[in-house]
Amino acid sequence: MSKNVKYLDYTIRSTPLPLLQNGEWKPEIVIAWERDGTVTALPFWDNTAYLTEEAADNHGIKLAQDIIDGKAPGLSVN
């Protein structure tokens, strides 16, 4: 399951990755935005494992929103 979510002036693309050794899922996201005709896209991921793809997807989107809002320590789109 891959989701694209618009948040403020950004597009969040969440594509959870399966961890084949144990059937769990890891969030992986790309945050993209356009400024002055230039598109920038930055990848982010979290090493936390989730039991379902949906849980990893939801966490990834929330993480991206926190990054955009400046609430994720050490992670930034700036």
PDB file of N, CA and C in Angstrom:
ATOM      1  N   MET A   1       0.853  -1.162   0.000  1.00  0.00           N
ATOM      2  CA  MET A   1       0.000   0.000   0.000  1.00  0.00           C
ATOM      3  C   MET A   1       0.903   1.230   0.000  1.00  0.00           C
ATOM      4  N   SER A   2       0.718   2.065  -0.944  1.00  0.00           N
ATOM      5  CA  SER A   2       1.464   3.310  -1.026  1.00  0.00           C
ATOM      6  C   SER A   2       0.455   4.441  -1.007  1.00  0.00           C
ATOM      7  N   LYS A   3       0.734   5.469  -0.210  1.00  0.00           N
ATOM      8  CA  LYS A   3      -0.196   6.593  -0.095  1.00  0.00           C
ATOM      9  C   LYS A   3       0.520   7.891  -0.396  1.00  0.00           C
ATOM     10  N   ASN A   4      -0.198   8.796  -1.070  1.00  0.00           N
ATOM     11  CA  ASN A   4       0.245  10.173  -1.231  1.00  0.00           C
ATOM     12  C   ASN A   4      -0.719  11.047  -0.446  1.00  0.00           C
ATOM     13  N   VAL A   5      -0.166  11.910   0.396  1.00  0.00           N
ATOM     14  CA  VAL A   5      -0.972  12.784   1.236  1.00  0.00           C
ATOM     15  C   VAL A   5      -0.469  14.203   1.070  1.00  0.00           C
ATOM     16  N   LYS A   6      -1.389  15.139   0.837  1.00  0.00           N
ATOM     17  CA  LYS A   6      -1.033  16.552   0.799  1.00  0.00           C
ATOM     18  C   LYS A   6      -1.097  17.084   2.226  1.00  0.00           C
ATOM     19  N   TYR A   7      -0.048  17.817   2.632  1.00  0.00           N
ATOM     20  CA  TYR A   7      -0.013  18.411   3.968  1.00  0.00           C
ATOM     21  C   TYR A   7       0.671  19.766   3.844  1.00  0.00           C
ATOM     22  N   LEU A   8      -0.077  20.813   4.128  1.00  0.00           N
ATOM     23  CA  LEU A   8       0.395  22.186   3.928  1.00  0.00           C
ATOM     24  C   LEU A   8       0.837  22.323   2.470  1.00  0.00           C
ATOM     25  N   ASP A   9       2.059  22.764   2.216  1.00  0.00           N
ATOM     26  CA  ASP A   9       2.548  22.910   0.837  1.00  0.00           C
ATOM     27  C   ASP A   9       3.408  21.721   0.410  1.00  0.00           C
ATOM     28  N   TYR A  10       3.245  20.586   1.055  1.00  0.00           N
ATOM     29  CA  TYR A  10       4.098  19.426   0.825  1.00  0.00           C
ATOM     30  C   TYR A  10       3.267  18.236   0.359  1.00  0.00           C
ATOM     31  N   THR A  11       3.921  17.313  -0.325  1.00  0.00           N
ATOM     32  CA  THR A  11       3.335  16.021  -0.647  1.00  0.00           C
ATOM     33  C   THR A  11       4.135  14.963   0.098  1.00  0.00           C
ATOM     34  N   ILE A  12       3.431  14.141   0.844  1.00  0.00           N
ATOM     35  CA  ILE A  12       4.053  13.040   1.586  1.00  0.00           C
ATOM     36  C   ILE A  12       3.728  11.752   0.837  1.00  0.00           C
ATOM     37  N   ARG A  13       4.764  11.004   0.468  1.00  0.00           N
ATOM     38  CA  ARG A  13       4.571   9.690  -0.160  1.00  0.00           C
ATOM     39  C   ARG A  13       5.057   8.641   0.831  1.00  0.00           C
ATOM     40  N   SER A  14       4.143   7.811   1.284  1.00  0.00           N
ATOM     41  CA  SER A  14       4.467   6.758   2.246  1.00  0.00           C
ATOM     42  C   SER A  14       4.447   5.413   1.533  1.00  0.00           C
ATOM     43  N   THR A  15       5.548   4.688   1.642  1.00  0.00           N
ATOM     44  CA  THR A  15       5.656   3.358   1.043  1.00  0.00           C
ATOM     45  C   THR A  15       6.315   2.424   2.067  1.00  0.00           C
ATOM     46  N   PRO A  16       5.517   1.813   2.951  1.00  0.00           N
ATOM     47  CA  PRO A  16       6.095   0.912   3.946  1.00  0.00           C
ATOM     48  C   PRO A  16       6.856  -0.250   3.299  1.00  0.00           C
ATOM     49  N   LEU A  17       7.949  -0.623   3.944  1.00  0.00           N
ATOM     50  CA  LEU A  17       8.777  -1.727   3.440  1.00  0.00           C
ATOM     51  C   LEU A  17       8.606  -2.960   4.322  1.00  0.00           C
ATOM     52  N   PRO A  18       8.379  -4.118   3.696  1.00  0.00           N
ATOM     53  CA  PRO A  18       8.258  -5.335   4.495  1.00  0.00           C
ATOM     54  C   PRO A  18       9.630  -5.804   4.989  1.00  0.00           C
ATOM     55  N   LEU A  19       9.653  -6.253   6.227  1.00  0.00           N
ATOM     56  CA  LEU A  19      10.861  -6.865   6.786  1.00  0.00           C
ATOM     57  C   LEU A  19      10.668  -8.372   6.649  1.00  0.00           C
ATOM     58  N   LEU A  20      11.287  -8.937   5.641  1.00  0.00           N
ATOM     59  CA  LEU A  20      11.003 -10.323   5.266  1.00  0.00           C
ATOM     60  C   LEU A  20      11.339 -11.332   6.353  1.00  0.00           C
ATOM     61  N   GLN A  21      12.302 -11.012   7.211  1.00  0.00           N
ATOM     62  CA  GLN A  21      12.712 -11.988   8.211  1.00  0.00           C
ATOM     63  C   GLN A  21      11.652 -12.232   9.284  1.00  0.00           C
ATOM     64  N   ASN A  22      10.735 -11.247   9.503  1.00  0.00           N
ATOM     65  CA  ASN A  22       9.767 -11.449  10.581  1.00  0.00           C
ATOM     66  C   ASN A  22       8.338 -11.020  10.229  1.00  0.00           C
ATOM     67  N   GLY A  23       8.101 -10.610   8.994  1.00  0.00           N
ATOM     68  CA  GLY A  23       6.756 -10.242   8.577  1.00  0.00           C
ATOM     69  C   GLY A  23       6.287  -8.877   9.047  1.00  0.00           C
ATOM     70  N   GLU A  24       7.160  -8.113   9.673  1.00  0.00           N
ATOM     71  CA  GLU A  24       6.792  -6.779  10.122  1.00  0.00           C
ATOM     72  C   GLU A  24       7.063  -5.760   9.016  1.00  0.00           C
ATOM     73  N   TRP A  25       6.728  -4.501   9.292  1.00  0.00           N
ATOM     74  CA  TRP A  25       6.837  -3.429   8.300  1.00  0.00           C
ATOM     75  C   TRP A  25       7.584  -2.245   8.872  1.00  0.00           C
ATOM     76  N   LYS A  26       8.331  -1.564   8.023  1.00  0.00           N
ATOM     77  CA  LYS A  26       9.105  -0.381   8.413  1.00  0.00           C
ATOM     78  C   LYS A  26       8.616   0.816   7.605  1.00  0.00           C
ATOM     79  N   PRO A  27       8.339   1.971   8.275  1.00  0.00           N
ATOM     80  CA  PRO A  27       7.911   3.158   7.537  1.00  0.00           C
ATOM     81  C   PRO A  27       9.033   3.711   6.658  1.00  0.00           C
ATOM     82  N   GLU A  28       8.671   4.107   5.458  1.00  0.00           N
ATOM     83  CA  GLU A  28       9.589   4.838   4.585  1.00  0.00           C
ATOM     84  C   GLU A  28       8.770   5.907   3.880  1.00  0.00           C
ATOM     85  N   ILE A  29       9.250   7.153   3.936  1.00  0.00           N
ATOM     86  CA  ILE A  29       8.497   8.269   3.381  1.00  0.00           C
ATOM     87  C   ILE A  29       9.399   9.151   2.527  1.00  0.00           C
ATOM     88  N   VAL A  30       8.764   9.875   1.627  1.00  0.00           N
ATOM     89  CA  VAL A  30       9.428  10.921   0.856  1.00  0.00           C
ATOM     90  C   VAL A  30       8.569  12.171   1.017  1.00  0.00           C
ATOM     91  N   ILE A  31       9.209  13.272   1.377  1.00  0.00           N
ATOM     92  CA  ILE A  31       8.523  14.554   1.474  1.00  0.00           C
ATOM     93  C   ILE A  31       8.983  15.396   0.289  1.00  0.00           C
ATOM     94  N   ALA A  32       8.022  15.883  -0.496  1.00  0.00           N
ATOM     95  CA  ALA A  32       8.340  16.666  -1.687  1.00  0.00           C
ATOM     96  C   ALA A  32       7.623  18.014  -1.627  1.00  0.00           C
ATOM     97  N   TRP A  33       8.271  19.024  -2.222  1.00  0.00           N
ATOM     98  CA  TRP A  33       7.669  20.355  -2.306  1.00  0.00           C
ATOM     99  C   TRP A  33       8.264  21.104  -3.482  1.00  0.00           C
ATOM    100  N   GLU A  34       7.547  22.125  -3.906  1.00  0.00           N
ATOM    101  CA  GLU A  34       8.000  22.942  -5.023  1.00  0.00           C
ATOM    102  C   GLU A  34       8.155  24.383  -4.559  1.00  0.00           C
ATOM    103  N   ARG A  35       9.300  24.982  -4.896  1.00  0.00           N
ATOM    104  CA  ARG A  35       9.556  26.391  -4.607  1.00  0.00           C
ATOM    105  C   ARG A  35      10.197  27.016  -5.841  1.00  0.00           C
ATOM    106  N   ASP A  36       9.622  28.080  -6.320  1.00  0.00           N
ATOM    107  CA  ASP A  36      10.175  28.806  -7.461  1.00  0.00           C
ATOM    108  C   ASP A  36      10.433  27.898  -8.660  1.00  0.00           C
ATOM    109  N   GLY A  37       9.531  26.955  -8.896  1.00  0.00           N
ATOM    110  CA  GLY A  37       9.643  26.076 -10.049  1.00  0.00           C
ATOM    111  C   GLY A  37      10.571  24.885  -9.876  1.00  0.00           C
ATOM    112  N   THR A  38      11.199  24.771  -8.706  1.00  0.00           N
ATOM    113  CA  THR A  38      12.105  23.656  -8.436  1.00  0.00           C
ATOM    114  C   THR A  38      11.449  22.690  -7.449  1.00  0.00           C
ATOM    115  N   VAL A  39      11.391  21.418  -7.828  1.00  0.00           N
ATOM    116  CA  VAL A  39      10.833  20.388  -6.952  1.00  0.00           C
ATOM    117  C   VAL A  39      11.968  19.739  -6.172  1.00  0.00           C
ATOM    118  N   THR A  40      11.773  19.641  -4.879  1.00  0.00           N
ATOM    119  CA  THR A  40      12.732  18.971  -4.003  1.00  0.00           C
ATOM    120  C   THR A  40      12.021  17.803  -3.329  1.00  0.00           C
ATOM    121  N   ALA A  41      12.689  16.668  -3.228  1.00  0.00           N
ATOM    122  CA  ALA A  41      12.125  15.491  -2.563  1.00  0.00           C
ATOM    123  C   ALA A  41      13.200  14.896  -1.655  1.00  0.00           C
ATOM    124  N   LEU A  42      12.850  14.703  -0.398  1.00  0.00           N
ATOM    125  CA  LEU A  42      13.795  14.135   0.564  1.00  0.00           C
ATOM    126  C   LEU A  42      13.225  12.852   1.167  1.00  0.00           C
ATOM    127  N   PRO A  43      14.033  11.783   1.203  1.00  0.00           N
ATOM    128  CA  PRO A  43      13.570  10.534   1.817  1.00  0.00           C
ATOM    129  C   PRO A  43      13.840  10.540   3.327  1.00  0.00           C
ATOM    130  N   PHE A  44      12.957   9.897   4.054  1.00  0.00           N
ATOM    131  CA  PHE A  44      13.117   9.699   5.497  1.00  0.00           C
ATOM    132  C   PHE A  44      12.620   8.292   5.805  1.00  0.00           C
ATOM    133  N   TRP A  45      13.105   7.702   6.866  1.00  0.00           N
ATOM    134  CA  TRP A  45      12.633   6.390   7.283  1.00  0.00           C
ATOM    135  C   TRP A  45      12.779   6.286   8.787  1.00  0.00           C
ATOM    136  N   ASP A  46      12.118   5.300   9.320  1.00  0.00           N
ATOM    137  CA  ASP A  46      12.130   5.038  10.754  1.00  0.00           C
ATOM    138  C   ASP A  46      12.419   3.549  10.916  1.00  0.00           C
ATOM    139  N   ASN A  47      13.319   3.219  11.797  1.00  0.00           N
ATOM    140  CA  ASN A  47      13.681   1.815  11.981  1.00  0.00           C
ATOM    141  C   ASN A  47      12.751   1.056  12.915  1.00  0.00           C
ATOM    142  N   THR A  48      11.703   1.721  13.401  1.00  0.00           N
ATOM    143  CA  THR A  48      10.718   1.045  14.226  1.00  0.00           C
ATOM    144  C   THR A  48       9.937   0.059  13.359  1.00  0.00           C
ATOM    145  N   ALA A  49       9.742  -1.145  13.856  1.00  0.00           N
ATOM    146  CA  ALA A  49       8.995  -2.166  13.120  1.00  0.00           C
ATOM    147  C   ALA A  49       7.550  -2.195  13.614  1.00  0.00           C
ATOM    148  N   TYR A  50       6.626  -2.374  12.676  1.00  0.00           N
ATOM    149  CA  TYR A  50       5.199  -2.436  12.992  1.00  0.00           C
ATOM    150  C   TYR A  50       4.632  -3.754  12.502  1.00  0.00           C
ATOM    151  N   LEU A  51       3.601  -4.231  13.191  1.00  0.00           N
ATOM    152  CA  LEU A  51       3.035  -5.530  12.853  1.00  0.00           C
ATOM    153  C   LEU A  51       2.289  -5.532  11.529  1.00  0.00           C
ATOM    154  N   THR A  52       1.748  -4.368  11.140  1.00  0.00           N
ATOM    155  CA  THR A  52       0.978  -4.319   9.903  1.00  0.00           C
ATOM    156  C   THR A  52       1.503  -3.214   8.989  1.00  0.00           C
ATOM    157  N   GLU A  53       1.218  -3.372   7.715  1.00  0.00           N
ATOM    158  CA  GLU A  53       1.581  -2.361   6.728  1.00  0.00           C
ATOM    159  C   GLU A  53       0.837  -1.056   7.017  1.00  0.00           C
ATOM    160  N   GLU A  54      -0.427  -1.169   7.400  1.00  0.00           N
ATOM    161  CA  GLU A  54      -1.228   0.022   7.690  1.00  0.00           C
ATOM    162  C   GLU A  54      -0.655   0.814   8.870  1.00  0.00           C
ATOM    163  N   ALA A  55      -0.222   0.121   9.912  1.00  0.00           N
ATOM    164  CA  ALA A  55       0.373   0.809  11.069  1.00  0.00           C
ATOM    165  C   ALA A  55       1.652   1.535  10.665  1.00  0.00           C
ATOM    166  N   ALA A  56       2.482   0.897   9.852  1.00  0.00           N
ATOM    167  CA  ALA A  56       3.718   1.534   9.381  1.00  0.00           C
ATOM    168  C   ALA A  56       3.395   2.738   8.503  1.00  0.00           C
ATOM    169  N   ASP A  57       2.379   2.606   7.676  1.00  0.00           N
ATOM    170  CA  ASP A  57       1.943   3.690   6.802  1.00  0.00           C
ATOM    171  C   ASP A  57       1.476   4.887   7.635  1.00  0.00           C
ATOM    172  N   ASN A  58       0.618   4.631   8.611  1.00  0.00           N
ATOM    173  CA  ASN A  58       0.095   5.704   9.462  1.00  0.00           C
ATOM    174  C   ASN A  58       1.207   6.386  10.240  1.00  0.00           C
ATOM    175  N   HIS A  59       2.129   5.610  10.768  1.00  0.00           N
ATOM    176  CA  HIS A  59       3.250   6.189  11.511  1.00  0.00           C
ATOM    177  C   HIS A  59       4.133   7.033  10.591  1.00  0.00           C
ATOM    178  N   GLY A  60       4.383   6.537   9.389  1.00  0.00           N
ATOM    179  CA  GLY A  60       5.209   7.276   8.438  1.00  0.00           C
ATOM    180  C   GLY A  60       4.604   8.625   8.089  1.00  0.00           C
ATOM    181  N   ILE A  61       3.299   8.654   7.875  1.00  0.00           N
ATOM    182  CA  ILE A  61       2.625   9.914   7.549  1.00  0.00           C
ATOM    183  C   ILE A  61       2.685  10.865   8.730  1.00  0.00           C
ATOM    184  N   LYS A  62       2.456  10.363   9.925  1.00  0.00           N
ATOM    185  CA  LYS A  62       2.542  11.207  11.127  1.00  0.00           C
ATOM    186  C   LYS A  62       3.967  11.726  11.306  1.00  0.00           C
ATOM    187  N   LEU A  63       4.954  10.885  11.089  1.00  0.00           N
ATOM    188  CA  LEU A  63       6.351  11.310  11.190  1.00  0.00           C
ATOM    189  C   LEU A  63       6.630  12.426  10.190  1.00  0.00           C
ATOM    190  N   ALA A  64       6.159  12.282   8.960  1.00  0.00           N
ATOM    191  CA  ALA A  64       6.372  13.313   7.944  1.00  0.00           C
ATOM    192  C   ALA A  64       5.737  14.639   8.368  1.00  0.00           C
ATOM    193  N   GLN A  65       4.536  14.574   8.920  1.00  0.00           N
ATOM    194  CA  GLN A  65       3.878  15.795   9.386  1.00  0.00           C
ATOM    195  C   GLN A  65       4.688  16.449  10.517  1.00  0.00           C
ATOM    196  N   ASP A  66       5.215  15.640  11.410  1.00  0.00           N
ATOM    197  CA  ASP A  66       6.053  16.170  12.490  1.00  0.00           C
ATOM    198  C   ASP A  66       7.336  16.793  11.948  1.00  0.00           C
ATOM    199  N   ILE A  67       7.927  16.182  10.938  1.00  0.00           N
ATOM    200  CA  ILE A  67       9.136  16.739  10.311  1.00  0.00           C
ATOM    201  C   ILE A  67       8.810  18.097   9.700  1.00  0.00           C
ATOM    202  N   ILE A  68       7.731  18.165   8.955  1.00  0.00           N
ATOM    203  CA  ILE A  68       7.323  19.421   8.320  1.00  0.00           C
ATOM    204  C   ILE A  68       7.047  20.497   9.368  1.00  0.00           C
ATOM    205  N   ASP A  69       6.415  20.109  10.465  1.00  0.00           N
ATOM    206  CA  ASP A  69       6.068  21.055  11.527  1.00  0.00           C
ATOM    207  C   ASP A  69       7.244  21.400  12.438  1.00  0.00           C
ATOM    208  N   GLY A  70       8.410  20.775  12.200  1.00  0.00           N
ATOM    209  CA  GLY A  70       9.574  21.034  13.048  1.00  0.00           C
ATOM    210  C   GLY A  70       9.510  20.375  14.407  1.00  0.00           C
ATOM    211  N   LYS A  71       8.735  19.302  14.524  1.00  0.00           N
ATOM    212  CA  LYS A  71       8.550  18.605  15.809  1.00  0.00           C
ATOM    213  C   LYS A  71       9.315  17.301  15.901  1.00  0.00           C
ATOM    214  N   ALA A  72      10.137  16.986  14.905  1.00  0.00           N
ATOM    215  CA  ALA A  72      10.903  15.734  14.903  1.00  0.00           C
ATOM    216  C   ALA A  72      12.375  16.085  15.142  1.00  0.00           C
ATOM    217  N   PRO A  73      12.873  15.855  16.345  1.00  0.00           N
ATOM    218  CA  PRO A  73      14.263  16.219  16.662  1.00  0.00           C
ATOM    219  C   PRO A  73      15.258  15.619  15.666  1.00  0.00           C
ATOM    220  N   GLY A  74      16.095  16.491  15.119  1.00  0.00           N
ATOM    221  CA  GLY A  74      17.159  16.047  14.222  1.00  0.00           C
ATOM    222  C   GLY A  74      16.725  15.837  12.782  1.00  0.00           C
ATOM    223  N   LEU A  75      15.439  15.992  12.481  1.00  0.00           N
ATOM    224  CA  LEU A  75      14.950  15.799  11.118  1.00  0.00           C
ATOM    225  C   LEU A  75      14.280  17.077  10.648  1.00  0.00           C
ATOM    226  N   SER A  76      14.543  17.461   9.390  1.00  0.00           N
ATOM    227  CA  SER A  76      14.035  18.723   8.888  1.00  0.00           C
ATOM    228  C   SER A  76      13.947  18.716   7.372  1.00  0.00           C
ATOM    229  N   VAL A  77      13.032  19.504   6.827  1.00  0.00           N
ATOM    230  CA  VAL A  77      12.967  19.701   5.382  1.00  0.00           C
ATOM    231  C   VAL A  77      13.713  20.971   4.987  1.00  0.00           C
ATOM    232  N   ASN A  78      14.302  21.658   5.941  1.00  0.00           N
ATOM    233  CA  ASN A  78      15.052  22.895   5.657  1.00  0.00           C
ATOM    234  C   ASN A  78      16.523  22.627   5.485  1.00  0.00           C
TER     235      ASN A  78
END
